Amino acid sequence: MKQWIDLFVDFLVTKHGLAEALQSDSARFETLHAYFLDRMVPACSALLEAAVQENEAPADVTAYSLLRGIGNLCIGADSRYNARRLVDLLVMGLKQQGAT
C-alpha cells in the first residue's frame, strides 16, 4: 500500500497545476475529477481491505476519505512543505489505529 500511496502523492503534487487550470472550467474539472475517482477509489479500496486484514489500517476508514485526506495534504506542496512527510505520518497513524 505504501508504494501505491507514494505514487499517488507524486501524481497529485505533479498534477496540482493542471487541476488549478482546469478549475477555471468547472465542467471539465468535475469530469476529470470524477474520472479519476472512478478509477482510484476501487484500487485504493482493494489496498485498504488488504491493509485491514493485516491490521495495518482500521476497518472504518473508507478509500474515498483516505484519498481525500492524502489529496488535501498534497495541496500547496513546495520546497518548504513536504507533502510526502505528512502523508507518511497519516499512514503511520493508520497503522497504529489498525494495530489496536
PDB file of N, CA and C in Angstrom:
ATOM      1  N   MET A   1       0.824  -1.189   0.000  1.00  0.00           N
ATOM      2  CA  MET A   1       0.000   0.000   0.000  1.00  0.00           C
ATOM      3  C   MET A   1       0.871   1.256   0.000  1.00  0.00           C
ATOM      4  N   LYS A   2       1.987   1.218   0.736  1.00  0.00           N
ATOM      5  CA  LYS A   2       2.873   2.382   0.832  1.00  0.00           C
ATOM      6  C   LYS A   2       3.365   2.829  -0.541  1.00  0.00           C
ATOM      7  N   GLN A   3       3.769   1.875  -1.371  1.00  0.00           N
ATOM      8  CA  GLN A   3       4.279   2.228  -2.702  1.00  0.00           C
ATOM      9  C   GLN A   3       3.177   2.902  -3.529  1.00  0.00           C
ATOM     10  N   TRP A   4       1.951   2.378  -3.458  1.00  0.00           N
ATOM     11  CA  TRP A   4       0.845   2.963  -4.206  1.00  0.00           C
ATOM     12  C   TRP A   4       0.572   4.384  -3.715  1.00  0.00           C
ATOM     13  N   ILE A   5       0.588   4.575  -2.405  1.00  0.00           N
ATOM     14  CA  ILE A   5       0.346   5.906  -1.846  1.00  0.00           C
ATOM     15  C   ILE A   5       1.455   6.861  -2.264  1.00  0.00           C
ATOM     16  N   ASP A   6       2.714   6.406  -2.257  1.00  0.00           N
ATOM     17  CA  ASP A   6       3.815   7.268  -2.707  1.00  0.00           C
ATOM     18  C   ASP A   6       3.618   7.703  -4.158  1.00  0.00           C
ATOM     19  N   LEU A   7       3.198   6.778  -5.000  1.00  0.00           N
ATOM     20  CA  LEU A   7       2.941   7.129  -6.403  1.00  0.00           C
ATOM     21  C   LEU A   7       1.756   8.081  -6.527  1.00  0.00           C
ATOM     22  N   PHE A   8       0.738   7.886  -5.709  1.00  0.00           N
ATOM     23  CA  PHE A   8      -0.413   8.788  -5.703  1.00  0.00           C
ATOM     24  C   PHE A   8       0.013  10.191  -5.284  1.00  0.00           C
ATOM     25  N   VAL A   9       0.863  10.294  -4.266  1.00  0.00           N
ATOM     26  CA  VAL A   9       1.377  11.602  -3.838  1.00  0.00           C
ATOM     27  C   VAL A   9       2.152  12.257  -4.980  1.00  0.00           C
ATOM     28  N   ASP A  10       3.022  11.511  -5.632  1.00  0.00           N
ATOM     29  CA  ASP A  10       3.766  12.060  -6.778  1.00  0.00           C
ATOM     30  C   ASP A  10       2.808  12.578  -7.841  1.00  0.00           C
ATOM     31  N   PHE A  11       1.788  11.794  -8.136  1.00  0.00           N
ATOM     32  CA  PHE A  11       0.788  12.184  -9.123  1.00  0.00           C
ATOM     33  C   PHE A  11       0.097  13.482  -8.714  1.00  0.00           C
ATOM     34  N   LEU A  12      -0.343  13.550  -7.472  1.00  0.00           N
ATOM     35  CA  LEU A  12      -1.069  14.738  -7.009  1.00  0.00           C
ATOM     36  C   LEU A  12      -0.198  15.985  -7.035  1.00  0.00           C
ATOM     37  N   VAL A  13       1.008  15.865  -6.549  1.00  0.00           N
ATOM     38  CA  VAL A  13       1.897  17.031  -6.499  1.00  0.00           C
ATOM     39  C   VAL A  13       2.227  17.493  -7.919  1.00  0.00           C
ATOM     40  N   THR A  14       2.459  16.543  -8.815  1.00  0.00           N
ATOM     41  CA  THR A  14       2.789  16.879 -10.199  1.00  0.00           C
ATOM     42  C   THR A  14       1.610  17.508 -10.919  1.00  0.00           C
ATOM     43  N   LYS A  15       0.413  16.999 -10.671  1.00  0.00           N
ATOM     44  CA  LYS A  15      -0.771  17.448 -11.407  1.00  0.00           C
ATOM     45  C   LYS A  15      -1.496  18.613 -10.752  1.00  0.00           C
ATOM     46  N   HIS A  16      -0.979  19.136  -9.656  1.00  0.00           N
ATOM     47  CA  HIS A  16      -1.661  20.220  -8.957  1.00  0.00           C
ATOM     48  C   HIS A  16      -1.890  21.427  -9.863  1.00  0.00           C
ATOM     49  N   GLY A  17      -0.900  21.797 -10.657  1.00  0.00           N
ATOM     50  CA  GLY A  17      -1.052  22.928 -11.574  1.00  0.00           C
ATOM     51  C   GLY A  17      -2.129  22.687 -12.615  1.00  0.00           C
ATOM     52  N   LEU A  18      -2.218  21.469 -13.108  1.00  0.00           N
ATOM     53  CA  LEU A  18      -3.259  21.126 -14.073  1.00  0.00           C
ATOM     54  C   LEU A  18      -4.638  21.279 -13.447  1.00  0.00           C
ATOM     55  N   ALA A  19      -4.787  20.823 -12.221  1.00  0.00           N
ATOM     56  CA  ALA A  19      -6.080  20.936 -11.537  1.00  0.00           C
ATOM     57  C   ALA A  19      -6.471  22.393 -11.364  1.00  0.00           C
ATOM     58  N   GLU A  20      -5.506  23.246 -11.005  1.00  0.00           N
ATOM     59  CA  GLU A  20      -5.808  24.678 -10.859  1.00  0.00           C
ATOM     60  C   GLU A  20      -6.301  25.264 -12.165  1.00  0.00           C
ATOM     61  N   ALA A  21      -5.632  24.916 -13.252  1.00  0.00           N
ATOM     62  CA  ALA A  21      -6.028  25.442 -14.561  1.00  0.00           C
ATOM     63  C   ALA A  21      -7.417  24.945 -14.951  1.00  0.00           C
ATOM     64  N   LEU A  22      -7.702  23.697 -14.683  1.00  0.00           N
ATOM     65  CA  LEU A  22      -8.998  23.147 -15.057  1.00  0.00           C
ATOM     66  C   LEU A  22     -10.130  23.640 -14.171  1.00  0.00           C
ATOM     67  N   GLN A  23      -9.823  24.056 -12.962  1.00  0.00           N
ATOM     68  CA  GLN A  23     -10.891  24.528 -12.081  1.00  0.00           C
ATOM     69  C   GLN A  23     -11.546  25.783 -12.625  1.00  0.00           C
ATOM     70  N   SER A  24     -10.828  26.505 -13.494  1.00  0.00           N
ATOM     71  CA  SER A  24     -11.454  27.678 -14.101  1.00  0.00           C
ATOM     72  C   SER A  24     -12.582  27.254 -15.047  1.00  0.00           C
ATOM     73  N   ASP A  25     -12.532  26.028 -15.534  1.00  0.00           N
ATOM     74  CA  ASP A  25     -13.597  25.453 -16.352  1.00  0.00           C
ATOM     75  C   ASP A  25     -14.245  24.349 -15.515  1.00  0.00           C
ATOM     76  N   SER A  26     -15.199  24.719 -14.698  1.00  0.00           N
ATOM     77  CA  SER A  26     -15.780  23.828 -13.701  1.00  0.00           C
ATOM     78  C   SER A  26     -16.270  22.504 -14.291  1.00  0.00           C
ATOM     79  N   ALA A  27     -16.890  22.531 -15.452  1.00  0.00           N
ATOM     80  CA  ALA A  27     -17.436  21.308 -16.038  1.00  0.00           C
ATOM     81  C   ALA A  27     -16.324  20.323 -16.390  1.00  0.00           C
ATOM     82  N   ARG A  28     -15.242  20.819 -16.963  1.00  0.00           N
ATOM     83  CA  ARG A  28     -14.126  19.933 -17.311  1.00  0.00           C
ATOM     84  C   ARG A  28     -13.449  19.398 -16.059  1.00  0.00           C
ATOM     85  N   PHE A  29     -13.300  20.252 -15.056  1.00  0.00           N
ATOM     86  CA  PHE A  29     -12.673  19.799 -13.816  1.00  0.00           C
ATOM     87  C   PHE A  29     -13.509  18.709 -13.164  1.00  0.00           C
ATOM     88  N   GLU A  30     -14.816  18.915 -13.104  1.00  0.00           N
ATOM     89  CA  GLU A  30     -15.711  17.919 -12.489  1.00  0.00           C
ATOM     90  C   GLU A  30     -15.624  16.585 -13.232  1.00  0.00           C
ATOM     91  N   THR A  31     -15.577  16.639 -14.561  1.00  0.00           N
ATOM     92  CA  THR A  31     -15.488  15.419 -15.361  1.00  0.00           C
ATOM     93  C   THR A  31     -14.173  14.697 -15.098  1.00  0.00           C
ATOM     94  N   LEU A  32     -13.069  15.418 -15.089  1.00  0.00           N
ATOM     95  CA  LEU A  32     -11.766  14.815 -14.838  1.00  0.00           C
ATOM     96  C   LEU A  32     -11.689  14.268 -13.419  1.00  0.00           C
ATOM     97  N   HIS A  33     -12.197  15.014 -12.463  1.00  0.00           N
ATOM     98  CA  HIS A  33     -12.190  14.582 -11.064  1.00  0.00           C
ATOM     99  C   HIS A  33     -12.990  13.275 -10.916  1.00  0.00           C
ATOM    100  N   ALA A  34     -14.158  13.223 -11.520  1.00  0.00           N
ATOM    101  CA  ALA A  34     -14.987  12.005 -11.458  1.00  0.00           C
ATOM    102  C   ALA A  34     -14.284  10.834 -12.138  1.00  0.00           C
ATOM    103  N   TYR A  35     -13.610  11.104 -13.241  1.00  0.00           N
ATOM    104  CA  TYR A  35     -12.876  10.058 -13.956  1.00  0.00           C
ATOM    105  C   TYR A  35     -11.821   9.421 -13.047  1.00  0.00           C
ATOM    106  N   PHE A  36     -11.041  10.261 -12.387  1.00  0.00           N
ATOM    107  CA  PHE A  36     -10.002   9.738 -11.502  1.00  0.00           C
ATOM    108  C   PHE A  36     -10.602   9.017 -10.295  1.00  0.00           C
ATOM    109  N   LEU A  37     -11.641   9.566  -9.717  1.00  0.00           N
ATOM    110  CA  LEU A  37     -12.277   8.893  -8.581  1.00  0.00           C
ATOM    111  C   LEU A  37     -12.815   7.519  -8.975  1.00  0.00           C
ATOM    112  N   ASP A  38     -13.430   7.434 -10.147  1.00  0.00           N
ATOM    113  CA  ASP A  38     -13.979   6.159 -10.607  1.00  0.00           C
ATOM    114  C   ASP A  38     -12.900   5.084 -10.717  1.00  0.00           C
ATOM    115  N   ARG A  39     -11.684   5.482 -10.977  1.00  0.00           N
ATOM    116  CA  ARG A  39     -10.599   4.523 -11.125  1.00  0.00           C
ATOM    117  C   ARG A  39      -9.793   4.317  -9.848  1.00  0.00           C
ATOM    118  N   MET A  40      -9.629   5.375  -9.090  1.00  0.00           N
ATOM    119  CA  MET A  40      -8.753   5.293  -7.924  1.00  0.00           C
ATOM    120  C   MET A  40      -9.452   4.748  -6.683  1.00  0.00           C
ATOM    121  N   VAL A  41     -10.718   5.032  -6.497  1.00  0.00           N
ATOM    122  CA  VAL A  41     -11.418   4.531  -5.315  1.00  0.00           C
ATOM    123  C   VAL A  41     -11.420   3.002  -5.270  1.00  0.00           C
ATOM    124  N   PRO A  42     -11.755   2.305  -6.373  1.00  0.00           N
ATOM    125  CA  PRO A  42     -11.702   0.840  -6.301  1.00  0.00           C
ATOM    126  C   PRO A  42     -10.286   0.300  -6.035  1.00  0.00           C
ATOM    127  N   ALA A  43      -9.280   0.900  -6.640  1.00  0.00           N
ATOM    128  CA  ALA A  43      -7.897   0.447  -6.411  1.00  0.00           C
ATOM    129  C   ALA A  43      -7.503   0.667  -4.958  1.00  0.00           C
ATOM    130  N   CYS A  44      -7.789   1.850  -4.449  1.00  0.00           N
ATOM    131  CA  CYS A  44      -7.461   2.164  -3.056  1.00  0.00           C
ATOM    132  C   CYS A  44      -8.264   1.282  -2.108  1.00  0.00           C
ATOM    133  N   SER A  45      -9.507   1.019  -2.454  1.00  0.00           N
ATOM    134  CA  SER A  45     -10.363   0.178  -1.615  1.00  0.00           C
ATOM    135  C   SER A  45      -9.773  -1.226  -1.470  1.00  0.00           C
ATOM    136  N   ALA A  46      -9.294  -1.795  -2.571  1.00  0.00           N
ATOM    137  CA  ALA A  46      -8.688  -3.130  -2.520  1.00  0.00           C
ATOM    138  C   ALA A  46      -7.437  -3.123  -1.652  1.00  0.00           C
ATOM    139  N   LEU A  47      -6.617  -2.098  -1.791  1.00  0.00           N
ATOM    140  CA  LEU A  47      -5.405  -1.999  -0.977  1.00  0.00           C
ATOM    141  C   LEU A  47      -5.751  -1.791   0.491  1.00  0.00           C
ATOM    142  N   LEU A  48      -6.759  -0.990   0.739  1.00  0.00           N
ATOM    143  CA  LEU A  48      -7.175  -0.714   2.107  1.00  0.00           C
ATOM    144  C   LEU A  48      -7.747  -1.974   2.766  1.00  0.00           C
ATOM    145  N   GLU A  49      -8.513  -2.751   2.025  1.00  0.00           N
ATOM    146  CA  GLU A  49      -9.042  -4.012   2.554  1.00  0.00           C
ATOM    147  C   GLU A  49      -7.910  -4.951   2.942  1.00  0.00           C
ATOM    148  N   ALA A  50      -6.883  -5.020   2.113  1.00  0.00           N
ATOM    149  CA  ALA A  50      -5.721  -5.858   2.436  1.00  0.00           C
ATOM    150  C   ALA A  50      -5.002  -5.322   3.675  1.00  0.00           C
ATOM    151  N   ALA A  51      -4.900  -4.004   3.792  1.00  0.00           N
ATOM    152  CA  ALA A  51      -4.257  -3.405   4.965  1.00  0.00           C
ATOM    153  C   ALA A  51      -5.055  -3.706   6.232  1.00  0.00           C
ATOM    154  N   VAL A  52      -6.368  -3.687   6.139  1.00  0.00           N
ATOM    155  CA  VAL A  52      -7.220  -4.022   7.293  1.00  0.00           C
ATOM    156  C   VAL A  52      -6.985  -5.473   7.698  1.00  0.00           C
ATOM    157  N   GLN A  53      -6.907  -6.359   6.719  1.00  0.00           N
ATOM    158  CA  GLN A  53      -6.664  -7.776   7.011  1.00  0.00           C
ATOM    159  C   GLN A  53      -5.324  -7.999   7.703  1.00  0.00           C
ATOM    160  N   GLU A  54      -4.354  -7.148   7.402  1.00  0.00           N
ATOM    161  CA  GLU A  54      -3.019  -7.253   8.003  1.00  0.00           C
ATOM    162  C   GLU A  54      -2.885  -6.392   9.263  1.00  0.00           C
ATOM    163  N   ASN A  55      -4.011  -5.846   9.743  1.00  0.00           N
ATOM    164  CA  ASN A  55      -4.022  -4.954  10.912  1.00  0.00           C
ATOM    165  C   ASN A  55      -3.132  -3.729  10.723  1.00  0.00           C
ATOM    166  N   GLU A  56      -3.093  -3.218   9.479  1.00  0.00           N
ATOM    167  CA  GLU A  56      -2.311  -2.025   9.181  1.00  0.00           C
ATOM    168  C   GLU A  56      -3.197  -0.809   8.958  1.00  0.00           C
ATOM    169  N   ALA A  57      -4.499  -0.977   9.118  1.00  0.00           N
ATOM    170  CA  ALA A  57      -5.438   0.140   8.984  1.00  0.00           C
ATOM    171  C   ALA A  57      -6.722  -0.253   9.706  1.00  0.00           C
ATOM    172  N   PRO A  58      -7.421   0.719  10.279  1.00  0.00           N
ATOM    173  CA  PRO A  58      -8.696   0.410  10.917  1.00  0.00           C
ATOM    174  C   PRO A  58      -9.767   0.138   9.861  1.00  0.00           C
ATOM    175  N   ALA A  59     -10.726  -0.688  10.207  1.00  0.00           N
ATOM    176  CA  ALA A  59     -11.763  -1.103   9.265  1.00  0.00           C
ATOM    177  C   ALA A  59     -12.732   0.021   8.899  1.00  0.00           C
ATOM    178  N   ASP A  60     -12.793   1.072   9.702  1.00  0.00           N
ATOM    179  CA  ASP A  60     -13.787   2.118   9.441  1.00  0.00           C
ATOM    180  C   ASP A  60     -13.297   3.236   8.522  1.00  0.00           C
ATOM    181  N   VAL A  61     -12.098   3.135   7.979  1.00  0.00           N
ATOM    182  CA  VAL A  61     -11.583   4.136   7.045  1.00  0.00           C
ATOM    183  C   VAL A  61     -12.008   3.741   5.641  1.00  0.00           C
ATOM    184  N   THR A  62     -12.608   4.667   4.917  1.00  0.00           N
ATOM    185  CA  THR A  62     -13.029   4.380   3.546  1.00  0.00           C
ATOM    186  C   THR A  62     -11.950   4.829   2.570  1.00  0.00           C
ATOM    187  N   ALA A  63     -11.948   4.210   1.409  1.00  0.00           N
ATOM    188  CA  ALA A  63     -10.985   4.579   0.370  1.00  0.00           C
ATOM    189  C   ALA A  63     -11.169   6.041  -0.024  1.00  0.00           C
ATOM    190  N   TYR A  64     -12.413   6.468  -0.163  1.00  0.00           N
ATOM    191  CA  TYR A  64     -12.668   7.857  -0.553  1.00  0.00           C
ATOM    192  C   TYR A  64     -12.091   8.828   0.471  1.00  0.00           C
ATOM    193  N   SER A  65     -12.311   8.575   1.763  1.00  0.00           N
ATOM    194  CA  SER A  65     -11.803   9.515   2.768  1.00  0.00           C
ATOM    195  C   SER A  65     -10.279   9.477   2.834  1.00  0.00           C
ATOM    196  N   LEU A  66      -9.669   8.318   2.629  1.00  0.00           N
ATOM    197  CA  LEU A  66      -8.214   8.242   2.605  1.00  0.00           C
ATOM    198  C   LEU A  66      -7.660   9.032   1.416  1.00  0.00           C
ATOM    199  N   LEU A  67      -8.260   8.855   0.245  1.00  0.00           N
ATOM    200  CA  LEU A  67      -7.823   9.606  -0.932  1.00  0.00           C
ATOM    201  C   LEU A  67      -7.985  11.107  -0.726  1.00  0.00           C
ATOM    202  N   ARG A  68      -9.109  11.515  -0.139  1.00  0.00           N
ATOM    203  CA  ARG A  68      -9.323  12.948   0.128  1.00  0.00           C
ATOM    204  C   ARG A  68      -8.306  13.482   1.122  1.00  0.00           C
ATOM    205  N   GLY A  69      -8.046  12.699   2.172  1.00  0.00           N
ATOM    206  CA  GLY A  69      -7.058  13.121   3.163  1.00  0.00           C
ATOM    207  C   GLY A  69      -5.679  13.292   2.546  1.00  0.00           C
ATOM    208  N   ILE A  70      -5.272  12.328   1.755  1.00  0.00           N
ATOM    209  CA  ILE A  70      -3.977  12.429   1.082  1.00  0.00           C
ATOM    210  C   ILE A  70      -3.975  13.615   0.124  1.00  0.00           C
ATOM    211  N   GLY A  71      -5.041  13.754  -0.636  1.00  0.00           N
ATOM    212  CA  GLY A  71      -5.140  14.868  -1.578  1.00  0.00           C
ATOM    213  C   GLY A  71      -5.046  16.212  -0.891  1.00  0.00           C
ATOM    214  N   ASN A  72      -5.725  16.346   0.230  1.00  0.00           N
ATOM    215  CA  ASN A  72      -5.685  17.622   0.957  1.00  0.00           C
ATOM    216  C   ASN A  72      -4.294  17.910   1.510  1.00  0.00           C
ATOM    217  N   LEU A  73      -3.571  16.876   1.911  1.00  0.00           N
ATOM    218  CA  LEU A  73      -2.208  17.079   2.403  1.00  0.00           C
ATOM    219  C   LEU A  73      -1.252  17.486   1.287  1.00  0.00           C
ATOM    220  N   CYS A  74      -1.605  17.174   0.052  1.00  0.00           N
ATOM    221  CA  CYS A  74      -0.728  17.473  -1.087  1.00  0.00           C
ATOM    222  C   CYS A  74      -0.953  18.856  -1.683  1.00  0.00           C
ATOM    223  N   ILE A  75      -2.025  19.515  -1.306  1.00  0.00           N
ATOM    224  CA  ILE A  75      -2.306  20.844  -1.852  1.00  0.00           C
ATOM    225  C   ILE A  75      -1.240  21.820  -1.383  1.00  0.00           C
ATOM    226  N   GLY A  76      -0.688  22.545  -2.320  1.00  0.00           N
ATOM    227  CA  GLY A  76       0.271  23.591  -1.989  1.00  0.00           C
ATOM    228  C   GLY A  76       1.662  23.105  -1.658  1.00  0.00           C
ATOM    229  N   ALA A  77       1.987  21.868  -1.998  1.00  0.00           N
ATOM    230  CA  ALA A  77       3.339  21.364  -1.719  1.00  0.00           C
ATOM    231  C   ALA A  77       4.354  22.200  -2.477  1.00  0.00           C
ATOM    232  N   ASP A  78       5.423  22.551  -1.801  1.00  0.00           N
ATOM    233  CA  ASP A  78       6.512  23.291  -2.426  1.00  0.00           C
ATOM    234  C   ASP A  78       7.808  22.902  -1.729  1.00  0.00           C
ATOM    235  N   SER A  79       8.865  23.632  -1.991  1.00  0.00           N
ATOM    236  CA  SER A  79      10.163  23.250  -1.425  1.00  0.00           C
ATOM    237  C   SER A  79      10.205  23.370   0.104  1.00  0.00           C
ATOM    238  N   ARG A  80       9.303  24.129   0.692  1.00  0.00           N
ATOM    239  CA  ARG A  80       9.272  24.266   2.151  1.00  0.00           C
ATOM    240  C   ARG A  80       8.226  23.386   2.811  1.00  0.00           C
ATOM    241  N   TYR A  81       7.396  22.754   2.026  1.00  0.00           N
ATOM    242  CA  TYR A  81       6.339  21.896   2.556  1.00  0.00           C
ATOM    243  C   TYR A  81       6.447  20.527   1.910  1.00  0.00           C
ATOM    244  N   ASN A  82       6.782  19.542   2.699  1.00  0.00           N
ATOM    245  CA  ASN A  82       6.997  18.194   2.206  1.00  0.00           C
ATOM    246  C   ASN A  82       5.715  17.375   2.396  1.00  0.00           C
ATOM    247  N   ALA A  83       4.911  17.322   1.352  1.00  0.00           N
ATOM    248  CA  ALA A  83       3.637  16.601   1.415  1.00  0.00           C
ATOM    249  C   ALA A  83       3.856  15.127   1.720  1.00  0.00           C
ATOM    250  N   ARG A  84       4.885  14.544   1.151  1.00  0.00           N
ATOM    251  CA  ARG A  84       5.137  13.116   1.380  1.00  0.00           C
ATOM    252  C   ARG A  84       5.352  12.839   2.866  1.00  0.00           C
ATOM    253  N   ARG A  85       6.045  13.714   3.563  1.00  0.00           N
ATOM    254  CA  ARG A  85       6.285  13.509   5.001  1.00  0.00           C
ATOM    255  C   ARG A  85       4.968  13.509   5.764  1.00  0.00           C
ATOM    256  N   LEU A  86       4.074  14.427   5.437  1.00  0.00           N
ATOM    257  CA  LEU A  86       2.787  14.479   6.130  1.00  0.00           C
ATOM    258  C   LEU A  86       1.925  13.267   5.790  1.00  0.00           C
ATOM    259  N   VAL A  87       1.981  12.812   4.552  1.00  0.00           N
ATOM    260  CA  VAL A  87       1.239  11.609   4.163  1.00  0.00           C
ATOM    261  C   VAL A  87       1.826  10.397   4.887  1.00  0.00           C
ATOM    262  N   ASP A  88       3.149  10.344   5.016  1.00  0.00           N
ATOM    263  CA  ASP A  88       3.769   9.243   5.775  1.00  0.00           C
ATOM    264  C   ASP A  88       3.259   9.223   7.216  1.00  0.00           C
ATOM    265  N   LEU A  89       3.099  10.393   7.810  1.00  0.00           N
ATOM    266  CA  LEU A  89       2.563  10.459   9.174  1.00  0.00           C
ATOM    267  C   LEU A  89       1.121   9.971   9.219  1.00  0.00           C
ATOM    268  N   LEU A  90       0.346  10.311   8.217  1.00  0.00           N
ATOM    269  CA  LEU A  90      -1.032   9.828   8.131  1.00  0.00           C
ATOM    270  C   LEU A  90      -1.058   8.299   8.047  1.00  0.00           C
ATOM    271  N   VAL A  91      -0.216   7.735   7.202  1.00  0.00           N
ATOM    272  CA  VAL A  91      -0.160   6.278   7.041  1.00  0.00           C
ATOM    273  C   VAL A  91       0.317   5.611   8.326  1.00  0.00           C
ATOM    274  N   MET A  92       1.288   6.214   9.001  1.00  0.00           N
ATOM    275  CA  MET A  92       1.729   5.659  10.284  1.00  0.00           C
ATOM    276  C   MET A  92       0.598   5.658  11.291  1.00  0.00           C
ATOM    277  N   GLY A  93      -0.204   6.716  11.280  1.00  0.00           N
ATOM    278  CA  GLY A  93      -1.360   6.776  12.172  1.00  0.00           C
ATOM    279  C   GLY A  93      -2.379   5.691  11.848  1.00  0.00           C
ATOM    280  N   LEU A  94      -2.591   5.428  10.560  1.00  0.00           N
ATOM    281  CA  LEU A  94      -3.494   4.343  10.167  1.00  0.00           C
ATOM    282  C   LEU A  94      -2.995   3.008  10.690  1.00  0.00           C
ATOM    283  N   LYS A  95      -1.691   2.782  10.570  1.00  0.00           N
ATOM    284  CA  LYS A  95      -1.116   1.516  11.037  1.00  0.00           C
ATOM    285  C   LYS A  95      -1.309   1.377  12.539  1.00  0.00           C
ATOM    286  N   GLN A  96      -1.095   2.464  13.271  1.00  0.00           N
ATOM    287  CA  GLN A  96      -1.268   2.403  14.729  1.00  0.00           C
ATOM    288  C   GLN A  96      -2.714   2.109  15.088  1.00  0.00           C
ATOM    289  N   GLN A  97      -3.642   2.748  14.376  1.00  0.00           N
ATOM    290  CA  GLN A  97      -5.058   2.508  14.647  1.00  0.00           C
ATOM    291  C   GLN A  97      -5.475   1.095  14.257  1.00  0.00           C
ATOM    292  N   GLY A  98      -4.879   0.572  13.202  1.00  0.00           N
ATOM    293  CA  GLY A  98      -5.191  -0.791  12.763  1.00  0.00           C
ATOM    294  C   GLY A  98      -4.687  -1.834  13.748  1.00  0.00           C
ATOM    295  N   ALA A  99      -3.592  -1.505  14.433  1.00  0.00           N
ATOM    296  CA  ALA A  99      -2.986  -2.455  15.363  1.00  0.00           C
ATOM    297  C   ALA A  99      -3.695  -2.504  16.706  1.00  0.00           C
ATOM    298  N   THR A 100      -4.580  -1.542  16.957  1.00  0.00           N
ATOM    299  CA  THR A 100      -5.261  -1.519  18.264  1.00  0.00           C
ATOM    300  C   THR A 100      -6.526  -2.336  18.253  1.00  0.00           C
TER     301      THR A 100
END
